[in-house]
Structures are given as structure tokens and as C-alpha cells.
Amino acid sequence: MKPSLIIFIIYLSFFLISCSTSTKVTHSTHHLSKSDKRFLEIDTTPGQRDIQIDFLGDSPWHLRAVFPPADKYPKILVIALQWAGGGDNYKDFSDCLVQPAFAQKNAILLVPDAENEVWYSPKNEKRLVKLIRLAQKNWSITPEHTIIMGYSNGGNGAWYYAEKYPHLFHAAIPMASAYKLSGRKISLPMYVIHGANDELFDINQTRVWVESAQANNDKIVFKRVASLSHYEACRYLPALKQAVDWLDKVL
């Protein structure tokens, strides 16, 4: 065989291999949705950051994200739903309850802004479910290591998502909530926290609804916090820490 023909065959082989590799990379990237691409831009290095992400194509959604040391496994994912309001309320909720309570856990914390809406509004529901699914898909977090929690508006949201999307979570921690089940059986372990002096959501009514859920689920705990009112949210930290310790029994 002539040397020139051998050289031609070698160059042709390298060209075909290069094209094949390039096609595979382009093909993989091409099939990522816009939501996936935006999500993959989130900085996941250890630490706290306040970020914006546009899932619905209308306006940026604000959320607090906290990432633990990268070398510790297994990680848990905590979806923490703020009380009512907008602005920086979600940051206040994260600062005084969520981050201190989970400080000793190897947890990814996602604390989104409710934007003055209930957590089960169509807009919040659509983007929250998308957020959870993208986190589980891209960060190798299983539903068995995903927790949903919240206070007041967020507590009702924790009930709602635990009832409607049990396949996405392993446990729920509703705080200062008032949620009547729609008829579905709650299957998840739950730690329900309520203040004895809650003037917005009467503890006796909440207890009735909790006991109704407990009739079909012996993994639901009801924690009465003596003397606290609805508007002393940050003082519920010791009770929330007890709930975080309880997670070790159910995860």
C-alpha cells in the first residue's frame, strides 16, 4: 500500500471519530429543556446564596439556596415554604428557622419566595413541583431523601404537597397550619407543630384534622408548643429542632 494512501486512511479515521464525538455532545445538549439549562447554571458549591430563576418564562423567581460540604453523603433535600407575604420574608424565614434547625444536617436547603400567594396557587404549584423534580434529577437526590416543611401559609403548603404529591417526598413538617384533607389518605410520616396560643389557626381545630389523618397513618406526630402564639414564628426553633431529630427515625 502506498504511503500516501495510508496517510489518507489515518486522517479519514480521525475525522470520522471527531464527527461522531461532536454529534453525541451536540445531541445531548440539544435535548435539554430551557428549565434544565437554567437549573444547571445554579452554583452548587458549599454555602448560602440568594438566586433568581425563571421557570415559567414570565418573571424571575427568588429563592434562598444553601449547599452543604460536597464530600458528605447521603444528602437530604429540604423544601422550606415561608409564611405569608412577599419581599424578603422568605429570607427571614430561612434565617430564623430553617437554617438554624438544619445546621447539623447534611442538607440542601431550598427556600423559595411565595410572592404574596398561597403555596397551592396554580403558579406556585407549577414552579415548585418543577423545582423539586429538577433538583432530584440533577443533584442525585431521591424522594426517600426529600423533606417538605413550612410555617403558616407554608405549613398549609406542606400538607397540600404531602397529600397531592407523596411520591416526591419522604416526610413533611407542617408548622402553625390549618389544613383539612380533601379526602386523600396521607401516607407520609409527618411531624405537625402547633402553638397552644395560636390566635390565627385555633389549635383545637387543627388537632381534629390531625387526628383524622392519624386514624389512617400512625406515622403522624402532633407536637403542641405551650404558650406560643401564631406571630412568634422564630420562637418555634426548639420545636423544629426536635422535628429534625425525629427525621433520623424515619429517613
Protein backbone atom coordinates (compact mmCIF):
# COMPACT_ATOMS: atom_id res chain seq x y z
CA MET A 1 0.00 0.00 0.00
CA LYS A 2 1.30 3.44 -0.92
CA PRO A 3 2.33 5.72 1.96
CA SER A 4 0.02 8.46 0.68
CA LEU A 5 -2.97 6.09 0.84
CA ILE A 6 -2.09 5.05 4.41
CA ILE A 7 -1.91 8.72 5.48
CA PHE A 8 -5.27 9.40 3.83
CA ILE A 9 -6.92 6.48 5.68
CA ILE A 10 -5.49 7.67 9.04
CA TYR A 11 -6.78 11.22 8.52
CA LEU A 12 -10.17 9.90 7.43
CA SER A 13 -10.42 7.76 10.59
CA PHE A 14 -9.63 10.71 12.86
CA PHE A 15 -12.19 12.84 11.02
CA LEU A 16 -14.98 10.28 11.44
CA ILE A 17 -14.23 9.77 15.14
CA SER A 18 -14.21 13.53 15.70
CA CYS A 19 -17.54 13.98 13.94
CA SER A 20 -19.08 11.12 15.88
CA THR A 21 -17.99 12.56 19.23
CA SER A 22 -19.14 16.06 18.31
CA THR A 23 -22.55 14.78 17.27
CA LYS A 24 -23.05 13.00 20.57
CA VAL A 25 -22.27 16.11 22.63
CA THR A 26 -24.46 18.35 20.46
CA HIS A 27 -27.28 15.82 20.56
CA SER A 28 -27.19 15.62 24.37
CA THR A 29 -27.16 19.40 24.86
CA HIS A 30 -29.84 19.95 22.24
CA HIS A 31 -32.35 17.85 24.15
CA LEU A 32 -32.02 19.79 27.43
CA SER A 33 -35.09 21.91 28.15
CA LYS A 34 -34.74 25.60 28.95
CA SER A 35 -35.65 24.83 32.56
CA ASP A 36 -32.87 22.23 32.78
CA LYS A 37 -30.34 24.64 31.31
CA ARG A 38 -31.33 27.42 33.73
CA PHE A 39 -31.25 24.99 36.65
CA LEU A 40 -27.80 23.69 35.76
CA GLU A 41 -26.50 27.27 35.97
CA ILE A 42 -27.11 27.30 39.75
CA ASP A 43 -23.84 27.45 41.70
CA THR A 44 -23.85 24.37 43.96
CA THR A 45 -20.58 24.97 45.77
CA PRO A 46 -20.93 24.83 49.58
CA GLY A 47 -22.51 27.88 51.18
CA GLN A 48 -25.52 30.17 51.04
CA ARG A 49 -26.69 32.18 48.05
CA ASP A 50 -29.80 34.09 47.03
CA ILE A 51 -30.65 33.33 43.43
CA GLN A 52 -33.22 34.04 40.75
CA ILE A 53 -34.51 31.52 38.25
CA ASP A 54 -37.18 31.83 35.57
CA PHE A 55 -39.12 28.57 35.25
CA LEU A 56 -42.33 29.81 33.65
CA GLY A 57 -40.94 32.32 31.19
CA ASP A 58 -42.66 35.27 32.84
CA SER A 59 -40.52 36.67 35.66
CA PRO A 60 -37.56 35.62 37.81
CA TRP A 61 -38.38 33.61 40.94
CA HIS A 62 -36.34 34.40 44.03
CA LEU A 63 -35.11 31.72 46.40
CA ARG A 64 -32.51 31.10 49.07
CA ALA A 65 -30.27 28.07 48.43
CA VAL A 66 -27.87 26.56 50.96
CA PHE A 67 -25.47 23.77 49.97
CA PRO A 68 -23.54 21.53 52.42
CA PRO A 69 -19.96 20.29 52.01
CA ALA A 70 -19.65 18.47 48.71
CA ASP A 71 -17.85 15.42 50.12
CA LYS A 72 -20.58 14.32 52.55
CA TYR A 73 -23.22 11.72 51.61
CA PRO A 74 -26.03 10.92 51.62
CA LYS A 75 -27.53 14.38 51.28
CA ILE A 76 -31.13 15.30 52.02
CA LEU A 77 -33.14 17.93 50.19
CA VAL A 78 -35.33 20.24 52.27
CA ILE A 79 -38.04 22.30 50.57
CA ALA A 80 -38.96 25.02 53.08
CA LEU A 81 -42.10 27.08 52.44
CA GLN A 82 -42.29 30.52 54.01
CA TRP A 83 -45.18 32.12 55.86
CA ALA A 84 -47.47 34.64 54.13
CA GLY A 85 -46.05 37.71 52.46
CA GLY A 86 -43.56 38.79 49.85
CA GLY A 87 -40.37 40.80 49.74
CA ASP A 88 -37.61 39.34 51.90
CA ASN A 89 -39.96 37.27 54.10
CA TYR A 90 -38.53 34.05 52.70
CA LYS A 91 -35.04 35.15 53.79
CA ASP A 92 -36.28 35.97 57.30
CA PHE A 93 -37.94 32.55 57.49
CA SER A 94 -34.71 30.90 56.38
CA ASP A 95 -32.53 32.91 58.78
CA CYS A 96 -34.52 32.37 61.97
CA LEU A 97 -35.95 28.86 61.50
CA VAL A 98 -34.77 26.78 58.57
CA GLN A 99 -31.01 27.25 58.56
CA PRO A 100 -30.52 27.06 62.35
CA ALA A 101 -32.72 23.95 62.59
CA PHE A 102 -30.91 22.04 59.84
CA ALA A 103 -27.41 23.36 60.59
CA GLN A 104 -26.16 19.96 61.77
CA LYS A 105 -27.69 18.04 58.88
CA ASN A 106 -26.09 17.30 55.53
CA ALA A 107 -28.93 19.11 53.80
CA ILE A 108 -29.50 21.11 50.64
CA LEU A 109 -31.98 23.81 51.64
CA LEU A 110 -34.24 25.48 49.08
CA VAL A 111 -36.35 28.33 50.48
CA PRO A 112 -38.40 29.98 47.71
CA ASP A 113 -40.42 33.21 47.75
CA ALA A 114 -44.22 32.77 47.87
CA GLU A 115 -44.66 36.21 46.27
CA ASN A 116 -47.75 37.06 48.34
CA GLU A 117 -49.61 33.96 47.14
CA VAL A 118 -50.71 30.77 48.85
CA TRP A 119 -48.38 27.88 48.15
CA TYR A 120 -51.03 25.90 46.29
CA SER A 121 -51.86 28.67 43.81
CA PRO A 122 -51.52 27.36 40.22
CA LYS A 123 -48.39 29.46 39.63
CA ASN A 124 -46.62 28.40 42.83
CA GLU A 125 -47.64 24.77 42.43
CA LYS A 126 -46.34 24.54 38.87
CA ARG A 127 -42.95 26.02 39.57
CA LEU A 128 -42.44 24.35 42.97
CA VAL A 129 -43.07 20.88 41.54
CA LYS A 130 -40.72 21.70 38.66
CA LEU A 131 -38.05 22.87 41.13
CA ILE A 132 -38.30 19.67 43.16
CA ARG A 133 -38.14 17.40 40.13
CA LEU A 134 -35.15 19.24 38.65
CA ALA A 135 -33.32 19.11 41.98
CA GLN A 136 -33.91 15.39 42.33
CA LYS A 137 -32.92 14.74 38.72
CA ASN A 138 -29.78 16.88 38.54
CA TRP A 139 -28.44 16.59 42.10
CA SER A 140 -28.94 12.84 42.53
CA ILE A 141 -31.45 13.29 45.36
CA THR A 142 -34.11 10.60 45.73
CA PRO A 143 -37.65 11.14 47.05
CA GLU A 144 -36.53 9.00 50.03
CA HIS A 145 -34.22 11.88 50.99
CA THR A 146 -36.59 14.80 50.27
CA ILE A 147 -38.42 16.68 53.03
CA ILE A 148 -41.09 19.38 52.75
CA MET A 149 -41.78 21.78 55.59
CA GLY A 150 -43.31 25.19 56.17
CA TYR A 151 -44.85 27.67 58.59
CA SER A 152 -48.42 29.09 58.45
CA ASN A 153 -49.03 29.58 54.71
CA GLY A 154 -46.05 27.28 54.25
CA GLY A 155 -47.43 24.80 56.79
CA ASN A 156 -50.63 24.53 54.78
CA GLY A 157 -48.47 24.11 51.70
CA ALA A 158 -46.57 21.27 53.35
CA TRP A 159 -49.87 19.47 54.00
CA TYR A 160 -51.04 20.12 50.44
CA TYR A 161 -47.94 18.76 48.72
CA ALA A 162 -47.66 15.80 51.11
CA GLU A 163 -51.25 14.91 50.26
CA LYS A 164 -51.12 15.51 46.49
CA TYR A 165 -47.51 14.55 45.66
CA PRO A 166 -46.48 11.86 48.18
CA HIS A 167 -44.19 10.27 45.57
CA LEU A 168 -41.91 13.33 45.69
CA PHE A 169 -41.22 13.26 49.44
CA HIS A 170 -40.35 11.06 52.37
CA ALA A 171 -41.62 13.23 55.23
CA ALA A 172 -43.33 16.54 55.99
CA ILE A 173 -43.13 19.07 58.84
CA PRO A 174 -46.12 21.47 58.84
CA MET A 175 -45.96 24.27 61.43
CA ALA A 176 -48.78 26.60 62.60
CA SER A 177 -51.11 25.21 59.96
CA ALA A 178 -54.85 24.79 59.38
CA TYR A 179 -55.44 22.26 56.62
CA LYS A 180 -58.39 19.99 56.12
CA LEU A 181 -57.63 16.95 53.98
CA SER A 182 -59.51 16.72 50.71
CA GLY A 183 -60.26 13.03 51.15
CA ARG A 184 -56.91 11.51 50.23
CA LYS A 185 -55.07 9.44 52.78
CA ILE A 186 -51.79 10.97 53.98
CA SER A 187 -49.16 8.26 53.64
CA LEU A 188 -46.01 10.17 54.61
CA PRO A 189 -44.50 10.43 58.07
CA MET A 190 -45.39 13.87 59.44
CA TYR A 191 -44.36 15.97 62.43
CA VAL A 192 -47.07 18.60 62.96
CA ILE A 193 -46.11 21.54 65.20
CA HIS A 194 -48.69 23.96 66.62
CA GLY A 195 -48.69 26.68 69.26
CA ALA A 196 -51.17 26.42 72.13
CA ASN A 197 -51.97 30.14 71.87
CA ASP A 198 -52.23 30.37 68.09
CA GLU A 199 -54.80 33.12 67.58
CA LEU A 200 -54.98 32.72 63.78
CA PHE A 201 -55.34 28.93 63.47
CA ASP A 202 -57.06 27.50 66.53
CA ILE A 203 -55.14 24.54 67.91
CA ASN A 204 -58.29 22.58 68.71
CA GLN A 205 -59.47 22.65 65.10
CA THR A 206 -56.02 21.72 63.82
CA ARG A 207 -55.89 18.86 66.34
CA VAL A 208 -59.20 17.48 64.99
CA TRP A 209 -57.83 17.45 61.44
CA VAL A 210 -54.55 15.89 62.58
CA GLU A 211 -56.37 13.15 64.50
CA SER A 212 -58.44 12.43 61.40
CA ALA A 213 -55.22 11.91 59.44
CA GLN A 214 -53.71 9.84 62.27
CA ALA A 215 -56.64 7.40 62.04
CA ASN A 216 -55.11 6.14 58.76
CA ASN A 217 -51.45 6.82 59.48
CA ASP A 218 -49.64 6.02 62.73
CA LYS A 219 -46.53 7.86 61.50
CA ILE A 220 -48.03 11.30 62.19
CA VAL A 221 -46.79 13.11 65.32
CA PHE A 222 -48.63 16.11 66.80
CA LYS A 223 -46.41 18.48 68.82
CA ARG A 224 -48.19 21.08 70.97
CA VAL A 225 -45.93 24.00 71.87
CA ALA A 226 -47.07 25.62 75.11
CA SER A 227 -47.68 29.37 75.35
CA LEU A 228 -46.58 30.36 71.83
CA SER A 229 -48.83 32.37 69.51
CA HIS A 230 -49.00 32.37 65.72
CA TYR A 231 -46.94 35.53 65.41
CA GLU A 232 -43.91 34.27 67.31
CA ALA A 233 -42.60 32.12 64.49
CA CYS A 234 -38.90 32.35 65.29
CA ARG A 235 -39.52 31.10 68.84
CA TYR A 236 -40.60 27.74 67.38
CA LEU A 237 -36.95 26.89 66.63
CA PRO A 238 -36.56 24.39 69.55
CA ALA A 239 -39.67 22.53 68.40
CA LEU A 240 -38.40 22.44 64.82
CA LYS A 241 -35.04 21.10 66.01
CA GLN A 242 -36.95 18.26 67.71
CA ALA A 243 -38.67 17.55 64.40
CA VAL A 244 -35.28 17.47 62.64
CA ASP A 245 -34.06 14.93 65.21
CA TRP A 246 -37.24 12.92 64.56
CA LEU A 247 -36.25 12.69 60.89
CA ASP A 248 -33.41 10.36 61.87
CA LYS A 249 -36.05 7.80 62.87
CA VAL A 250 -37.95 7.92 59.59
CA LEU A 251 -35.32 8.52 56.91
